[in-house]
Amino acid sequence: MDFKEPLFYAKILLFGEYGIIKNSKALSIPYNSFKGVLKIGLELDDTNFIKSNQSLKDFHDYLSLKQTGQEVIVRFDLDSFSQDISRGLYFESTIPQGYGVGSSGALVAAIYERYAIDKIDISKELNKEVLLKLKHIFSYMESFFHGNSSGLDPLNSYLSLPILINSKDDVKTAGIPKQMQHNKSGVVFLIDSGLVGQTEPMVHLFMEKMKQEGFRNMLKNHFIKHTNNCVDDFLKGNVSSLFSNIKELSNLALCHFSPMIPSEFHKLWKKGIESNDYFLKLCGSGGGGYILGFAPDFEKAKQKLYPHKLELVYHF
């Protein structure tokens, strides 16, 4: 049987980390430097194959249990899924796991594309209702990996389009500013922390912090405010205001989300805020993986952050 599957790409959540849990705006974009695809047939002694194949077995079992519940929001051809697993199904991916760029989201999108019954037709108009339904389905699926999922990562990977969330009930595709061919206005970049992060314990830590009134007030009155401003500024191309709001977000993260920031980056984080040469943000839930950065001048940021290697994501 021919087994040619589409590629699914990584994503980067530019704005909305943690705030999205409390209904802030969020903006997520595809990141085509990393991708994954379902394949069949690899040597059984390959470690990555064995790990991926076993993970798919576990995911199949999880979806099977979900299919027996009273509220089934999506059905799968579980027989075909099981047969393909026994034939050597695996997810060949360059998306690093635990790095905040949507490795599980791409896998979820791939499984939905191949095995979902009565898939939603995205060739028609992608209206709010369609996007919300897809997001709900992907949240339902990706909960296997994180215990709790917004569904945004798989949605971004599945559509391979920028996604704007204005609120939990208002989701749309977004037209982001055209990439510039120089680095004089601003850049988005990634830094590899060298550590693997885990989403579930970081989200648990956040929910524990939410029990504190002071933290809740900070999130509502400051963090979400600047997150929403960043989304609006980025989409409108208001670069000066954007950097002002990113600086505030970076400072709030250092003050209130420091356990999510690898300790060896605390000084670099602070230096960026003090110098205005760059600003660092959490990439996803944090705790390791990639750190997201914004800078008005990429070359200066590279000098200031040396010897860390910066991966350019976007010119604006």
Protein backbone atom coordinates (compact mmCIF):
# COMPACT_ATOMS: atom_id res chain seq x y z
CA MET A 1 0.00 0.00 0.00
CA ASP A 2 1.27 3.47 -0.90
CA PHE A 3 1.99 5.51 2.20
CA LYS A 4 2.74 9.09 1.24
CA GLU A 5 1.77 11.46 4.01
CA PRO A 6 1.88 15.26 4.17
CA LEU A 7 4.47 17.11 6.22
CA PHE A 8 3.47 18.88 9.40
CA TYR A 9 5.56 21.76 10.68
CA ALA A 10 6.60 23.13 14.04
CA LYS A 11 5.05 26.29 15.47
CA ILE A 12 6.12 29.23 17.56
CA LEU A 13 3.79 30.93 19.99
CA LEU A 14 4.93 34.53 19.62
CA PHE A 15 2.61 35.84 22.32
CA GLY A 16 0.18 34.23 24.73
CA GLU A 17 2.26 31.88 26.90
CA TYR A 18 0.32 31.23 30.12
CA GLY A 19 -1.94 34.22 29.51
CA ILE A 20 -3.94 32.13 27.04
CA ILE A 21 -4.98 29.90 29.95
CA LYS A 22 -6.75 32.96 31.38
CA ASN A 23 -8.21 34.14 28.08
CA SER A 24 -5.53 36.52 26.85
CA LYS A 25 -4.92 37.03 23.16
CA ALA A 26 -2.39 34.75 21.48
CA LEU A 27 -0.56 34.66 18.17
CA SER A 28 1.05 31.50 16.83
CA ILE A 29 2.98 31.10 13.57
CA PRO A 30 4.29 28.06 11.65
CA TYR A 31 8.01 27.41 11.89
CA ASN A 32 9.10 25.50 8.80
CA SER A 33 12.65 24.78 9.94
CA PHE A 34 11.33 21.69 11.73
CA LYS A 35 8.85 19.15 10.42
CA GLY A 36 7.48 15.66 10.87
CA VAL A 37 5.78 12.98 8.76
CA LEU A 38 4.18 9.60 9.37
CA LYS A 39 6.10 6.72 7.79
CA ILE A 40 6.04 2.93 7.79
CA GLY A 41 8.97 0.57 7.91
CA LEU A 42 12.29 1.05 9.64
CA GLU A 43 14.79 -1.33 11.15
CA LEU A 44 13.41 -2.62 14.42
CA ASP A 45 16.68 -2.06 16.25
CA ASP A 46 16.60 1.69 15.67
CA THR A 47 16.05 3.41 19.03
CA ASN A 48 14.10 6.38 17.66
CA PHE A 49 11.83 4.08 15.67
CA ILE A 50 11.11 1.85 18.68
CA LYS A 51 10.32 4.87 20.89
CA SER A 52 8.05 6.48 18.29
CA ASN A 53 6.25 3.24 17.42
CA GLN A 54 5.60 2.53 21.12
CA SER A 55 4.34 6.08 21.64
CA LEU A 56 1.90 5.59 18.78
CA LYS A 57 0.69 2.34 20.36
CA ASP A 58 0.02 4.21 23.59
CA PHE A 59 -1.72 7.02 21.70
CA HIS A 60 -3.88 4.44 19.88
CA ASP A 61 -4.89 2.91 23.21
CA TYR A 62 -5.74 6.34 24.59
CA LEU A 63 -7.92 7.19 21.58
CA SER A 64 -9.57 3.77 21.82
CA LEU A 65 -10.61 4.50 25.39
CA LYS A 66 -11.87 7.91 24.34
CA GLN A 67 -14.05 6.27 21.67
CA THR A 68 -15.93 4.32 24.34
CA GLY A 69 -17.00 7.42 26.27
CA GLN A 70 -20.41 9.00 26.08
CA GLU A 71 -19.21 12.19 24.42
CA VAL A 72 -17.17 11.30 21.33
CA ILE A 73 -16.26 14.43 19.40
CA VAL A 74 -14.19 12.69 16.72
CA ARG A 75 -13.98 9.09 15.54
CA PHE A 76 -10.94 7.31 14.13
CA ASP A 77 -10.30 4.31 11.96
CA LEU A 78 -8.63 2.55 14.86
CA ASP A 79 -8.31 -0.77 13.01
CA SER A 80 -6.21 0.82 10.27
CA PHE A 81 -4.23 2.73 12.88
CA SER A 82 -3.49 -0.51 14.76
CA GLN A 83 -2.56 -2.39 11.59
CA ASP A 84 -0.17 0.36 10.52
CA ILE A 85 1.46 0.36 13.96
CA SER A 86 2.06 -3.40 13.64
CA ARG A 87 3.60 -2.77 10.20
CA GLY A 88 6.08 -0.30 11.66
CA LEU A 89 4.31 3.06 11.79
CA TYR A 90 6.43 5.85 13.25
CA PHE A 91 6.63 9.63 13.20
CA GLU A 92 9.84 10.79 11.55
CA SER A 93 10.41 14.24 13.00
CA THR A 94 13.10 16.89 13.22
CA ILE A 95 11.00 18.84 15.76
CA PRO A 96 12.84 18.67 19.08
CA GLN A 97 10.72 17.34 21.93
CA GLY A 98 10.36 19.45 25.06
CA TYR A 99 11.51 22.60 23.27
CA GLY A 100 8.22 24.52 23.06
CA VAL A 101 7.86 24.35 19.28
CA GLY A 102 4.99 21.89 18.98
CA SER A 103 6.42 18.40 18.54
CA SER A 104 3.28 16.74 19.90
CA GLY A 105 1.08 19.18 17.99
CA ALA A 106 2.55 18.09 14.67
CA LEU A 107 2.04 14.43 15.58
CA VAL A 108 -1.57 15.04 16.58
CA ALA A 109 -2.22 16.86 13.31
CA ALA A 110 -0.70 13.96 11.35
CA ILE A 111 -2.80 11.34 13.15
CA TYR A 112 -5.98 13.35 12.62
CA GLU A 113 -5.21 13.79 8.93
CA ARG A 114 -4.65 10.07 8.31
CA TYR A 115 -7.05 8.30 10.67
CA ALA A 116 -9.93 10.64 11.56
CA ILE A 117 -13.30 9.62 10.10
CA ASP A 118 -15.34 12.42 8.49
CA LYS A 119 -12.53 14.97 8.70
CA ILE A 120 -13.48 18.62 8.60
CA ASP A 121 -13.03 19.98 5.08
CA ILE A 122 -10.59 22.88 5.42
CA SER A 123 -10.59 23.55 1.67
CA LYS A 124 -13.80 25.48 2.26
CA GLU A 125 -14.04 28.72 4.22
CA LEU A 126 -12.13 28.63 7.50
CA ASN A 127 -14.71 30.47 9.58
CA LYS A 128 -14.71 30.84 13.36
CA GLU A 129 -16.97 27.82 13.90
CA VAL A 130 -14.70 25.51 11.89
CA LEU A 131 -11.58 26.72 13.66
CA LEU A 132 -13.14 26.36 17.11
CA LYS A 133 -14.31 22.85 16.30
CA LEU A 134 -10.87 21.83 15.05
CA LYS A 135 -9.24 23.43 18.09
CA HIS A 136 -11.60 21.48 20.36
CA ILE A 137 -10.82 18.20 18.59
CA PHE A 138 -7.09 18.81 18.83
CA SER A 139 -7.33 19.73 22.50
CA TYR A 140 -9.17 16.45 23.07
CA MET A 141 -6.38 14.54 21.28
CA GLU A 142 -3.30 16.36 22.58
CA SER A 143 -4.38 16.00 26.21
CA PHE A 144 -2.77 12.57 25.96
CA PHE A 145 0.65 14.23 25.87
CA HIS A 146 0.25 17.13 28.31
CA GLY A 147 -2.70 16.31 30.55
CA ASN A 148 -4.22 19.61 29.41
CA SER A 149 -4.02 21.25 26.00
CA SER A 150 -5.45 24.34 24.33
CA GLY A 151 -5.35 22.58 20.96
CA LEU A 152 -3.55 25.58 19.44
CA ASP A 153 -0.31 23.78 18.53
CA PRO A 154 -1.97 21.02 16.45
CA LEU A 155 -4.29 23.59 14.87
CA ASN A 156 -1.33 25.68 13.76
CA SER A 157 0.50 22.64 12.43
CA TYR A 158 -2.58 21.26 10.66
CA LEU A 159 -3.41 24.53 8.88
CA SER A 160 0.19 25.75 8.50
CA LEU A 161 -1.14 29.29 8.89
CA PRO A 162 -0.69 31.99 11.53
CA ILE A 163 -3.43 31.66 14.15
CA LEU A 164 -4.84 34.57 16.15
CA ILE A 165 -6.79 33.91 19.32
CA ASN A 166 -8.71 36.94 20.57
CA SER A 167 -10.41 34.90 23.29
CA LYS A 168 -11.33 31.27 23.91
CA ASP A 169 -14.39 31.70 21.67
CA ASP A 170 -12.79 33.88 18.98
CA VAL A 171 -10.19 32.14 16.81
CA LYS A 172 -9.16 33.13 13.30
CA THR A 173 -6.33 32.83 10.82
CA ALA A 174 -4.17 35.94 10.77
CA GLY A 175 -2.36 37.91 8.14
CA ILE A 176 0.99 38.80 9.67
CA PRO A 177 3.23 41.58 8.32
CA LYS A 178 5.38 40.65 5.35
CA GLN A 179 8.90 39.63 6.31
CA MET A 180 11.47 42.35 5.73
CA GLN A 181 14.71 41.59 3.94
CA HIS A 182 16.88 43.38 6.48
CA ASN A 183 17.24 43.42 10.24
CA LYS A 184 16.88 47.13 10.97
CA SER A 185 13.28 47.07 12.17
CA GLY A 186 13.27 43.98 14.33
CA VAL A 187 13.77 40.24 14.51
CA VAL A 188 12.38 37.25 16.32
CA PHE A 189 14.92 34.56 17.22
CA LEU A 190 15.38 31.40 19.28
CA ILE A 191 18.09 30.41 21.76
CA ASP A 192 18.65 26.77 22.65
CA SER A 193 18.78 26.51 26.45
CA GLY A 194 20.36 23.06 26.19
CA LEU A 195 17.70 21.66 28.52
CA VAL A 196 14.58 19.65 27.79
CA GLY A 197 11.43 21.19 29.20
CA GLN A 198 8.24 19.41 30.27
CA THR A 199 4.91 21.14 29.77
CA GLU A 200 2.77 19.43 32.41
CA PRO A 201 4.88 20.28 35.52
CA MET A 202 5.33 23.86 34.32
CA VAL A 203 1.57 24.31 33.87
CA HIS A 204 1.03 22.72 37.30
CA LEU A 205 3.45 25.25 38.81
CA PHE A 206 1.55 28.05 37.10
CA MET A 207 -1.78 26.82 38.47
CA GLU A 208 -0.26 26.69 41.96
CA LYS A 209 0.88 30.30 41.56
CA MET A 210 -2.66 31.22 40.51
CA LYS A 211 -3.79 30.42 44.05
CA GLN A 212 -1.96 33.58 45.18
CA GLU A 213 -4.04 36.74 44.94
CA GLY A 214 -1.03 38.91 44.12
CA PHE A 215 -0.03 36.69 41.21
CA ARG A 216 -3.61 36.64 39.89
CA ASN A 217 -3.77 40.42 39.98
CA MET A 218 -0.41 40.73 38.22
CA LEU A 219 -1.56 38.36 35.49
CA LYS A 220 -4.88 40.12 34.95
CA ASN A 221 -3.76 43.74 35.24
CA HIS A 222 -0.28 43.61 33.70
CA PHE A 223 0.78 40.37 32.00
CA ILE A 224 -2.39 39.89 29.94
CA LYS A 225 -2.59 43.62 29.17
CA HIS A 226 0.93 43.68 27.68
CA THR A 227 0.38 40.34 25.91
CA ASN A 228 -2.72 41.72 24.19
CA ASN A 229 -0.86 44.92 23.30
CA CYS A 230 1.99 42.89 21.78
CA VAL A 231 -0.42 40.96 19.57
CA ASP A 232 -2.09 44.16 18.36
CA ASP A 233 1.23 45.96 17.83
CA PHE A 234 2.76 43.06 15.91
CA LEU A 235 -0.20 42.68 13.56
CA LYS A 236 -0.40 46.44 12.95
CA GLY A 237 3.36 46.88 12.53
CA ASN A 238 3.69 49.30 15.45
CA VAL A 239 7.34 48.44 16.08
CA SER A 240 8.18 51.06 18.72
CA SER A 241 5.14 50.24 20.84
CA LEU A 242 5.74 46.52 20.29
CA PHE A 243 9.23 46.65 21.79
CA SER A 244 7.95 48.71 24.71
CA ASN A 245 5.34 46.05 25.50
CA ILE A 246 7.77 43.16 24.93
CA LYS A 247 10.16 44.76 27.42
CA GLU A 248 7.36 44.85 30.00
CA LEU A 249 6.52 41.19 29.32
CA SER A 250 10.17 40.19 29.60
CA ASN A 251 10.47 41.96 32.95
CA LEU A 252 7.23 40.41 34.27
CA ALA A 253 8.46 36.97 33.24
CA LEU A 254 11.77 37.45 35.07
CA CYS A 255 10.02 38.68 38.21
CA HIS A 256 7.05 36.31 38.36
CA PHE A 257 7.88 33.31 36.15
CA SER A 258 11.52 32.83 37.16
CA PRO A 259 11.08 29.08 37.96
CA MET A 260 10.14 28.59 34.29
CA ILE A 261 13.39 30.27 33.17
CA PRO A 262 16.58 28.15 33.29
CA SER A 263 18.70 29.67 36.06
CA GLU A 264 21.76 30.23 33.86
CA PHE A 265 19.72 32.62 31.68
CA HIS A 266 18.52 34.91 34.48
CA LYS A 267 21.49 37.31 34.13
CA LEU A 268 21.26 37.41 30.33
CA TRP A 269 17.53 38.02 30.64
CA LYS A 270 18.13 40.99 32.94
CA LYS A 271 20.94 42.41 30.76
CA GLY A 272 18.61 42.50 27.77
CA ILE A 273 16.01 44.47 29.71
CA GLU A 274 18.62 46.92 31.02
CA SER A 275 20.38 47.47 27.67
CA ASN A 276 17.34 47.36 25.34
CA ASP A 277 19.52 45.38 22.91
CA TYR A 278 17.25 42.33 23.09
CA PHE A 279 14.34 41.00 25.12
CA LEU A 280 13.82 37.36 26.10
CA LYS A 281 10.49 35.56 26.52
CA LEU A 282 9.30 32.10 27.40
CA CYS A 283 8.84 29.86 24.39
CA GLY A 284 5.73 27.92 25.30
CA SER A 285 5.64 26.72 28.90
CA GLY A 286 9.38 27.20 29.54
CA GLY A 287 11.44 25.12 31.93
CA GLY A 288 13.98 24.45 29.20
CA GLY A 289 13.89 24.00 25.45
CA TYR A 290 14.00 27.16 23.40
CA ILE A 291 13.92 30.70 24.72
CA LEU A 292 12.22 33.23 22.46
CA GLY A 293 13.92 36.54 21.76
CA PHE A 294 13.11 39.86 20.11
CA ALA A 295 15.66 42.48 19.10
CA PRO A 296 15.74 45.73 17.12
CA ASP A 297 19.11 44.74 15.60
CA PHE A 298 19.99 41.10 15.02
CA GLU A 299 23.75 41.59 14.68
CA LYS A 300 23.98 43.48 17.97
CA ALA A 301 21.85 40.82 19.70
CA LYS A 302 24.19 38.09 18.41
CA GLN A 303 27.19 39.95 19.82
CA LYS A 304 25.55 40.52 23.20
CA LEU A 305 24.38 36.92 23.53
CA TYR A 306 27.59 35.26 22.30
CA PRO A 307 28.51 32.39 22.58
CA HIS A 308 24.87 31.34 22.43
CA LYS A 309 23.76 30.61 18.88
CA LEU A 310 20.68 32.51 17.73
CA GLU A 311 18.27 30.95 15.24
CA LEU A 312 16.52 33.60 13.17
CA VAL A 313 12.75 33.10 12.96
CA TYR A 314 11.29 36.26 11.49
CA HIS A 315 12.24 39.76 10.26
CA PHE A 316 9.69 42.49 10.85
